[in-house]
Amino acid sequence: MMKWRLKTKEGREFYARRKSTVEPFFGIIKHMMGFRQFLFRGLEKINGEWNLVQCAYNLKRMHVLAGE
């Protein structure tokens, strides 16, 4: 199905827009920060863990931007 989408002009444009949306954010969290799975169970605990990951990402980003 993906091959078919990439053969159309609309499909290529849609796929190209993915780079500028949220995918880089998740890639950085997974690859650079090493966060690949949740350690806790239950929605409330997962929400808390995800908030910590977001805070860590934002602090890291602010540190990089402050150094420029």
N, C-alpha and C. Protein backbone atom coordinates (compact mmCIF):
# COMPACT_ATOMS: atom_id res chain seq x y z
N MET A 1 0.82 -1.19 0.00
CA MET A 1 0.00 0.00 0.00
C MET A 1 0.87 1.25 0.00
N MET A 2 1.97 1.25 0.75
CA MET A 2 2.83 2.42 0.80
C MET A 2 3.49 2.66 -0.55
N LYS A 3 3.88 1.60 -1.24
CA LYS A 3 4.47 1.77 -2.57
C LYS A 3 3.51 2.47 -3.51
N TRP A 4 2.24 2.09 -3.41
CA TRP A 4 1.23 2.71 -4.28
C TRP A 4 1.07 4.19 -3.95
N ARG A 5 1.08 4.52 -2.65
CA ARG A 5 0.95 5.93 -2.24
C ARG A 5 2.12 6.77 -2.74
N LEU A 6 3.32 6.21 -2.66
CA LEU A 6 4.49 6.97 -3.05
C LEU A 6 4.59 7.15 -4.57
N LYS A 7 3.83 6.39 -5.31
CA LYS A 7 3.82 6.55 -6.77
C LYS A 7 2.98 7.75 -7.20
N THR A 8 2.07 8.19 -6.35
CA THR A 8 1.24 9.34 -6.71
C THR A 8 1.88 10.62 -6.19
N LYS A 9 1.61 11.72 -6.87
CA LYS A 9 2.16 13.01 -6.47
C LYS A 9 1.65 13.42 -5.10
N GLU A 10 0.36 13.22 -4.86
CA GLU A 10 -0.23 13.57 -3.56
C GLU A 10 0.39 12.75 -2.43
N GLY A 11 0.64 11.48 -2.69
CA GLY A 11 1.24 10.61 -1.68
C GLY A 11 2.65 11.04 -1.32
N ARG A 12 3.44 11.41 -2.32
CA ARG A 12 4.81 11.89 -2.07
C ARG A 12 4.79 13.19 -1.28
N GLU A 13 3.88 14.11 -1.63
CA GLU A 13 3.78 15.38 -0.91
C GLU A 13 3.37 15.16 0.55
N PHE A 14 2.40 14.26 0.75
CA PHE A 14 1.95 13.96 2.10
C PHE A 14 3.09 13.36 2.93
N TYR A 15 3.82 12.43 2.34
CA TYR A 15 4.91 11.78 3.04
C TYR A 15 6.03 12.77 3.35
N ALA A 16 6.28 13.72 2.45
CA ALA A 16 7.31 14.73 2.67
C ALA A 16 6.95 15.66 3.83
N ARG A 17 5.66 15.92 4.04
CA ARG A 17 5.23 16.79 5.14
C ARG A 17 5.44 16.15 6.49
N ARG A 18 5.53 14.83 6.54
CA ARG A 18 5.72 14.14 7.81
C ARG A 18 7.02 14.55 8.48
N LYS A 19 8.02 14.91 7.70
CA LYS A 19 9.32 15.29 8.25
C LYS A 19 9.23 16.57 9.07
N SER A 20 8.28 17.42 8.75
CA SER A 20 8.21 18.71 9.44
C SER A 20 7.15 18.73 10.53
N THR A 21 6.55 17.60 10.83
CA THR A 21 5.52 17.57 11.88
C THR A 21 6.11 16.97 13.15
N VAL A 22 5.51 15.97 13.70
CA VAL A 22 5.92 15.43 15.00
C VAL A 22 6.93 14.29 14.91
N GLU A 23 7.16 13.76 13.74
CA GLU A 23 8.05 12.60 13.66
C GLU A 23 9.47 12.88 14.14
N PRO A 24 10.07 14.03 13.84
CA PRO A 24 11.41 14.28 14.39
C PRO A 24 11.43 14.28 15.92
N PHE A 25 10.38 14.78 16.53
CA PHE A 25 10.26 14.80 17.98
C PHE A 25 10.34 13.38 18.54
N PHE A 26 9.58 12.45 17.98
CA PHE A 26 9.60 11.08 18.48
C PHE A 26 10.92 10.40 18.15
N GLY A 27 11.50 10.73 17.01
CA GLY A 27 12.79 10.16 16.66
C GLY A 27 13.87 10.57 17.64
N ILE A 28 13.88 11.83 18.04
CA ILE A 28 14.87 12.32 19.00
C ILE A 28 14.67 11.64 20.35
N ILE A 29 13.43 11.54 20.77
CA ILE A 29 13.15 10.90 22.06
C ILE A 29 13.58 9.43 22.04
N LYS A 30 13.30 8.74 20.96
CA LYS A 30 13.66 7.32 20.89
C LYS A 30 15.15 7.11 20.71
N HIS A 31 15.75 7.83 19.78
CA HIS A 31 17.14 7.56 19.44
C HIS A 31 18.12 8.26 20.38
N MET A 32 17.98 9.55 20.52
CA MET A 32 18.96 10.32 21.29
C MET A 32 18.77 10.19 22.80
N MET A 33 17.53 10.11 23.23
CA MET A 33 17.27 10.03 24.67
C MET A 33 17.10 8.58 25.14
N GLY A 34 16.97 7.65 24.22
CA GLY A 34 16.90 6.23 24.57
C GLY A 34 15.58 5.79 25.19
N PHE A 35 14.53 6.57 25.00
CA PHE A 35 13.23 6.21 25.58
C PHE A 35 12.46 5.37 24.56
N ARG A 36 12.37 4.07 24.83
CA ARG A 36 11.72 3.17 23.87
C ARG A 36 10.46 2.52 24.42
N GLN A 37 10.32 2.47 25.72
CA GLN A 37 9.12 1.86 26.29
C GLN A 37 8.85 2.44 27.67
N PHE A 38 7.60 2.35 28.06
CA PHE A 38 7.20 2.83 29.38
C PHE A 38 7.59 1.81 30.43
N LEU A 39 7.98 2.29 31.59
CA LEU A 39 8.40 1.41 32.67
C LEU A 39 7.26 1.07 33.61
N PHE A 40 6.20 1.87 33.61
CA PHE A 40 5.09 1.69 34.53
C PHE A 40 3.87 1.15 33.80
N ARG A 41 2.91 0.72 34.57
CA ARG A 41 1.63 0.26 34.03
C ARG A 41 0.52 1.14 34.57
N GLY A 42 -0.52 1.28 33.77
CA GLY A 42 -1.65 2.10 34.16
C GLY A 42 -1.56 3.48 33.52
N LEU A 43 -2.70 3.95 33.05
CA LEU A 43 -2.75 5.19 32.30
C LEU A 43 -2.22 6.38 33.09
N GLU A 44 -2.57 6.46 34.37
CA GLU A 44 -2.13 7.59 35.19
C GLU A 44 -0.60 7.61 35.32
N LYS A 45 -0.01 6.45 35.56
CA LYS A 45 1.44 6.38 35.71
C LYS A 45 2.15 6.64 34.37
N ILE A 46 1.57 6.15 33.29
CA ILE A 46 2.15 6.38 31.97
C ILE A 46 2.09 7.86 31.62
N ASN A 47 0.99 8.51 31.95
CA ASN A 47 0.89 9.95 31.71
C ASN A 47 1.97 10.71 32.48
N GLY A 48 2.20 10.31 33.72
CA GLY A 48 3.25 10.95 34.51
C GLY A 48 4.62 10.71 33.92
N GLU A 49 4.88 9.49 33.48
CA GLU A 49 6.17 9.19 32.86
C GLU A 49 6.36 9.96 31.56
N TRP A 50 5.31 10.07 30.76
CA TRP A 50 5.39 10.80 29.50
C TRP A 50 5.62 12.29 29.76
N ASN A 51 5.00 12.82 30.80
CA ASN A 51 5.24 14.23 31.16
C ASN A 51 6.71 14.45 31.53
N LEU A 52 7.32 13.51 32.22
CA LEU A 52 8.74 13.63 32.54
C LEU A 52 9.61 13.60 31.28
N VAL A 53 9.26 12.74 30.34
CA VAL A 53 10.00 12.66 29.09
C VAL A 53 9.87 13.97 28.32
N GLN A 54 8.66 14.52 28.28
CA GLN A 54 8.46 15.80 27.59
C GLN A 54 9.25 16.92 28.26
N CYS A 55 9.26 16.95 29.59
CA CYS A 55 10.03 17.97 30.31
C CYS A 55 11.52 17.84 30.00
N ALA A 56 12.02 16.60 29.99
CA ALA A 56 13.43 16.38 29.69
C ALA A 56 13.76 16.85 28.27
N TYR A 57 12.88 16.54 27.32
CA TYR A 57 13.09 16.98 25.94
C TYR A 57 13.09 18.50 25.86
N ASN A 58 12.14 19.15 26.51
CA ASN A 58 12.05 20.61 26.46
C ASN A 58 13.26 21.27 27.13
N LEU A 59 13.72 20.73 28.24
CA LEU A 59 14.91 21.27 28.89
C LEU A 59 16.15 21.11 28.01
N LYS A 60 16.26 19.96 27.39
CA LYS A 60 17.38 19.72 26.47
C LYS A 60 17.32 20.70 25.31
N ARG A 61 16.15 20.92 24.77
CA ARG A 61 15.98 21.83 23.64
C ARG A 61 16.28 23.28 24.06
N MET A 62 15.82 23.68 25.24
CA MET A 62 16.10 25.03 25.72
C MET A 62 17.59 25.24 25.94
N HIS A 63 18.27 24.22 26.42
CA HIS A 63 19.72 24.31 26.64
C HIS A 63 20.44 24.50 25.31
N VAL A 64 20.03 23.75 24.30
CA VAL A 64 20.65 23.88 22.97
C VAL A 64 20.38 25.26 22.39
N LEU A 65 19.15 25.72 22.50
CA LEU A 65 18.80 27.03 21.94
C LEU A 65 19.48 28.17 22.68
N ALA A 66 19.70 28.03 23.98
CA ALA A 66 20.36 29.08 24.77
C ALA A 66 21.82 29.20 24.40
N GLY A 67 22.41 28.09 23.92
CA GLY A 67 23.81 28.12 23.55
C GLY A 67 24.09 28.72 22.19
N GLU A 68 23.05 28.96 21.41
CA GLU A 68 23.24 29.51 20.06
C GLU A 68 23.48 30.98 20.06
